[in-house]
Amino acid sequence: MSVTDNTYLHRFELEEKGLVAFANYRRVGEHVIIPHVEAPLALRGAGTAGRLMRGIVEKARAEGLKITPTCTYAAIWFRRHKESADVLA
């Protein structure tokens, strides 16, 4: 399973068990601001949002993007995953 960039809805998505977890974003050039991350109730507590964040970091590295997490979940995730600090703006 991989994270996709739904440019029409301005969000990164990860599908698991037929459900979609997503992170809304606003992109300005090479800068991506993440104001909201959400997983369906049925996926919460299963690590889906964490896998979504890891996939977003992989995309950011591959595309040379920098991320500003304004969503509480995303900000806490980055604090817990110091190895991903290289993509922070």
N, C-alpha and C. Protein backbone atom coordinates (compact mmCIF):
# COMPACT_ATOMS: atom_id res chain seq x y z
N MET A 1 0.83 -1.17 0.00
CA MET A 1 0.00 0.00 0.00
C MET A 1 0.88 1.24 0.00
N SER A 2 0.52 2.18 -0.84
CA SER A 2 1.32 3.39 -0.89
C SER A 2 0.44 4.62 -0.82
N VAL A 3 1.04 5.69 -0.38
CA VAL A 3 0.35 6.96 -0.27
C VAL A 3 0.25 7.59 -1.64
N THR A 4 -0.93 8.09 -1.96
CA THR A 4 -1.13 8.78 -3.23
C THR A 4 -1.43 10.25 -2.97
N ASP A 5 -1.15 11.06 -3.96
CA ASP A 5 -1.40 12.49 -3.89
C ASP A 5 -2.65 12.79 -4.70
N ASN A 6 -3.75 13.05 -4.02
CA ASN A 6 -5.00 13.40 -4.69
C ASN A 6 -4.98 14.91 -4.88
N THR A 7 -4.44 15.35 -6.02
CA THR A 7 -4.28 16.78 -6.26
C THR A 7 -5.62 17.50 -6.40
N TYR A 8 -6.65 16.80 -6.84
CA TYR A 8 -7.97 17.40 -6.99
C TYR A 8 -8.53 17.81 -5.62
N LEU A 9 -8.37 16.94 -4.61
CA LEU A 9 -8.88 17.23 -3.27
C LEU A 9 -7.81 17.85 -2.36
N HIS A 10 -6.58 18.00 -2.87
CA HIS A 10 -5.47 18.57 -2.09
C HIS A 10 -5.24 17.77 -0.81
N ARG A 11 -5.04 16.47 -1.01
CA ARG A 11 -4.76 15.64 0.15
C ARG A 11 -3.97 14.40 -0.25
N PHE A 12 -3.17 13.94 0.69
CA PHE A 12 -2.48 12.67 0.55
C PHE A 12 -3.43 11.61 1.09
N GLU A 13 -3.46 10.44 0.45
CA GLU A 13 -4.39 9.40 0.85
C GLU A 13 -3.69 8.05 0.98
N LEU A 14 -4.19 7.25 1.91
CA LEU A 14 -3.74 5.88 2.08
C LEU A 14 -4.98 5.02 2.26
N GLU A 15 -5.15 4.07 1.35
CA GLU A 15 -6.31 3.18 1.44
C GLU A 15 -5.91 1.89 2.14
N GLU A 16 -6.70 1.52 3.13
CA GLU A 16 -6.52 0.25 3.84
C GLU A 16 -7.90 -0.32 4.13
N LYS A 17 -8.08 -1.59 3.86
CA LYS A 17 -9.34 -2.29 4.12
C LYS A 17 -10.53 -1.58 3.47
N GLY A 18 -10.28 -1.00 2.30
CA GLY A 18 -11.33 -0.34 1.55
C GLY A 18 -11.72 1.04 2.09
N LEU A 19 -10.98 1.52 3.08
CA LEU A 19 -11.24 2.84 3.68
C LEU A 19 -10.05 3.75 3.42
N VAL A 20 -10.28 5.05 3.44
CA VAL A 20 -9.22 6.00 3.11
C VAL A 20 -8.90 6.92 4.29
N ALA A 21 -7.64 6.89 4.69
CA ALA A 21 -7.11 7.86 5.65
C ALA A 21 -6.48 8.96 4.79
N PHE A 22 -6.52 10.20 5.29
CA PHE A 22 -5.99 11.28 4.46
C PHE A 22 -5.37 12.39 5.29
N ALA A 23 -4.54 13.17 4.62
CA ALA A 23 -3.94 14.36 5.20
C ALA A 23 -4.18 15.49 4.22
N ASN A 24 -5.00 16.45 4.60
CA ASN A 24 -5.22 17.62 3.76
C ASN A 24 -3.91 18.40 3.69
N TYR A 25 -3.69 19.09 2.58
CA TYR A 25 -2.50 19.91 2.48
C TYR A 25 -2.77 21.16 1.65
N ARG A 26 -1.90 22.13 1.87
CA ARG A 26 -1.84 23.32 1.03
C ARG A 26 -0.40 23.39 0.55
N ARG A 27 -0.23 23.49 -0.74
CA ARG A 27 1.11 23.46 -1.32
C ARG A 27 1.45 24.82 -1.91
N VAL A 28 2.63 25.31 -1.55
CA VAL A 28 3.15 26.55 -2.09
C VAL A 28 4.55 26.24 -2.60
N GLY A 29 4.67 26.02 -3.91
CA GLY A 29 5.95 25.62 -4.47
C GLY A 29 6.41 24.29 -3.91
N GLU A 30 7.57 24.33 -3.27
CA GLU A 30 8.16 23.11 -2.68
C GLU A 30 7.78 22.95 -1.21
N HIS A 31 6.85 23.75 -0.74
CA HIS A 31 6.45 23.75 0.66
C HIS A 31 5.04 23.17 0.79
N VAL A 32 4.87 22.23 1.71
CA VAL A 32 3.57 21.59 1.94
C VAL A 32 3.17 21.82 3.39
N ILE A 33 2.00 22.41 3.58
CA ILE A 33 1.46 22.65 4.91
C ILE A 33 0.36 21.61 5.14
N ILE A 34 0.45 20.89 6.25
CA ILE A 34 -0.54 19.85 6.58
C ILE A 34 -1.36 20.32 7.78
N PRO A 35 -2.61 20.80 7.53
CA PRO A 35 -3.44 21.27 8.62
C PRO A 35 -4.37 20.22 9.24
N HIS A 36 -4.50 19.05 8.58
CA HIS A 36 -5.46 18.07 9.09
C HIS A 36 -5.11 16.67 8.63
N VAL A 37 -5.11 15.73 9.56
CA VAL A 37 -4.91 14.30 9.26
C VAL A 37 -6.10 13.57 9.86
N GLU A 38 -6.66 12.64 9.09
CA GLU A 38 -7.84 11.91 9.58
C GLU A 38 -7.85 10.48 9.08
N ALA A 39 -8.23 9.58 9.98
CA ALA A 39 -8.43 8.17 9.62
C ALA A 39 -9.86 7.81 9.99
N PRO A 40 -10.51 6.98 9.17
CA PRO A 40 -11.87 6.54 9.52
C PRO A 40 -11.85 5.81 10.87
N LEU A 41 -12.96 5.88 11.58
CA LEU A 41 -13.05 5.24 12.89
C LEU A 41 -12.59 3.80 12.88
N ALA A 42 -12.96 3.06 11.84
CA ALA A 42 -12.61 1.63 11.77
C ALA A 42 -11.10 1.39 11.67
N LEU A 43 -10.33 2.42 11.27
CA LEU A 43 -8.88 2.27 11.13
C LEU A 43 -8.11 2.88 12.29
N ARG A 44 -8.76 3.61 13.14
CA ARG A 44 -8.07 4.27 14.25
C ARG A 44 -7.52 3.25 15.24
N GLY A 45 -6.33 3.53 15.70
CA GLY A 45 -5.68 2.63 16.66
C GLY A 45 -4.94 1.49 16.00
N ALA A 46 -4.98 1.43 14.67
CA ALA A 46 -4.32 0.34 13.94
C ALA A 46 -3.01 0.78 13.28
N GLY A 47 -2.60 2.04 13.50
CA GLY A 47 -1.35 2.52 12.92
C GLY A 47 -1.49 3.10 11.52
N THR A 48 -2.71 3.20 11.03
CA THR A 48 -2.92 3.69 9.66
C THR A 48 -2.41 5.11 9.49
N ALA A 49 -2.75 6.00 10.41
CA ALA A 49 -2.32 7.40 10.29
C ALA A 49 -0.79 7.50 10.32
N GLY A 50 -0.15 6.67 11.11
CA GLY A 50 1.31 6.64 11.14
C GLY A 50 1.90 6.19 9.82
N ARG A 51 1.30 5.17 9.21
CA ARG A 51 1.77 4.71 7.90
C ARG A 51 1.53 5.79 6.85
N LEU A 52 0.43 6.51 6.97
CA LEU A 52 0.17 7.63 6.07
C LEU A 52 1.27 8.68 6.20
N MET A 53 1.62 9.03 7.42
CA MET A 53 2.67 10.03 7.64
C MET A 53 4.01 9.56 7.10
N ARG A 54 4.34 8.29 7.31
CA ARG A 54 5.60 7.76 6.76
C ARG A 54 5.62 7.86 5.24
N GLY A 55 4.48 7.56 4.62
CA GLY A 55 4.38 7.67 3.17
C GLY A 55 4.51 9.10 2.68
N ILE A 56 3.97 10.04 3.43
CA ILE A 56 4.10 11.45 3.08
C ILE A 56 5.56 11.88 3.16
N VAL A 57 6.25 11.44 4.19
CA VAL A 57 7.68 11.75 4.34
C VAL A 57 8.47 11.18 3.17
N GLU A 58 8.17 9.95 2.78
CA GLU A 58 8.86 9.34 1.63
C GLU A 58 8.63 10.15 0.37
N LYS A 59 7.39 10.59 0.14
CA LYS A 59 7.08 11.42 -1.02
C LYS A 59 7.83 12.74 -0.96
N ALA A 60 7.86 13.35 0.22
CA ALA A 60 8.55 14.62 0.38
C ALA A 60 10.03 14.48 0.05
N ARG A 61 10.65 13.42 0.52
CA ARG A 61 12.07 13.19 0.23
C ARG A 61 12.29 12.98 -1.26
N ALA A 62 11.44 12.17 -1.88
CA ALA A 62 11.59 11.87 -3.30
C ALA A 62 11.39 13.10 -4.18
N GLU A 63 10.52 14.01 -3.75
CA GLU A 63 10.18 15.18 -4.56
C GLU A 63 10.86 16.45 -4.10
N GLY A 64 11.68 16.37 -3.06
CA GLY A 64 12.39 17.54 -2.55
C GLY A 64 11.48 18.55 -1.88
N LEU A 65 10.43 18.07 -1.21
CA LEU A 65 9.47 18.95 -0.55
C LEU A 65 9.84 19.15 0.91
N LYS A 66 9.39 20.27 1.46
CA LYS A 66 9.51 20.54 2.89
C LYS A 66 8.10 20.65 3.46
N ILE A 67 7.92 20.15 4.68
CA ILE A 67 6.60 20.05 5.30
C ILE A 67 6.52 20.91 6.56
N THR A 68 5.38 21.58 6.70
CA THR A 68 5.04 22.26 7.95
C THR A 68 3.77 21.61 8.47
N PRO A 69 3.86 20.86 9.56
CA PRO A 69 2.67 20.22 10.13
C PRO A 69 1.96 21.18 11.10
N THR A 70 0.79 21.67 10.74
CA THR A 70 0.02 22.51 11.66
C THR A 70 -1.06 21.70 12.38
N CYS A 71 -1.33 20.52 11.89
CA CYS A 71 -2.25 19.58 12.54
C CYS A 71 -1.56 19.04 13.80
N THR A 72 -2.28 18.98 14.88
CA THR A 72 -1.72 18.47 16.14
C THR A 72 -1.16 17.07 15.98
N TYR A 73 -1.93 16.17 15.33
CA TYR A 73 -1.46 14.80 15.15
C TYR A 73 -0.14 14.78 14.37
N ALA A 74 -0.10 15.50 13.25
CA ALA A 74 1.09 15.50 12.40
C ALA A 74 2.29 16.08 13.14
N ALA A 75 2.09 17.16 13.89
CA ALA A 75 3.18 17.77 14.65
C ALA A 75 3.73 16.80 15.70
N ILE A 76 2.83 16.12 16.41
CA ILE A 76 3.27 15.14 17.41
C ILE A 76 3.98 13.97 16.74
N TRP A 77 3.47 13.54 15.59
CA TRP A 77 4.11 12.43 14.87
C TRP A 77 5.55 12.79 14.54
N PHE A 78 5.77 14.00 14.05
CA PHE A 78 7.14 14.42 13.72
C PHE A 78 8.02 14.51 14.96
N ARG A 79 7.47 14.94 16.09
CA ARG A 79 8.26 14.98 17.32
C ARG A 79 8.68 13.59 17.76
N ARG A 80 7.83 12.59 17.50
CA ARG A 80 8.13 11.21 17.88
C ARG A 80 9.02 10.50 16.87
N HIS A 81 9.15 11.05 15.68
CA HIS A 81 9.93 10.42 14.61
C HIS A 81 11.01 11.38 14.13
N LYS A 82 11.99 11.56 14.98
CA LYS A 82 13.08 12.50 14.72
C LYS A 82 13.82 12.19 13.42
N GLU A 83 13.79 10.94 13.00
CA GLU A 83 14.47 10.55 11.76
C GLU A 83 13.83 11.18 10.52
N SER A 84 12.66 11.78 10.71
CA SER A 84 11.96 12.42 9.59
C SER A 84 12.11 13.95 9.60
N ALA A 85 12.91 14.46 10.51
CA ALA A 85 13.06 15.92 10.66
C ALA A 85 13.66 16.58 9.43
N ASP A 86 14.35 15.81 8.59
CA ASP A 86 14.97 16.40 7.41
C ASP A 86 13.97 17.00 6.41
N VAL A 87 12.70 16.61 6.50
CA VAL A 87 11.69 17.15 5.57
C VAL A 87 10.91 18.30 6.18
N LEU A 88 11.18 18.64 7.43
CA LEU A 88 10.46 19.74 8.05
C LEU A 88 10.96 21.07 7.52
N ALA A 89 10.03 22.02 7.34
CA ALA A 89 10.40 23.36 6.86
C ALA A 89 10.93 24.18 8.02
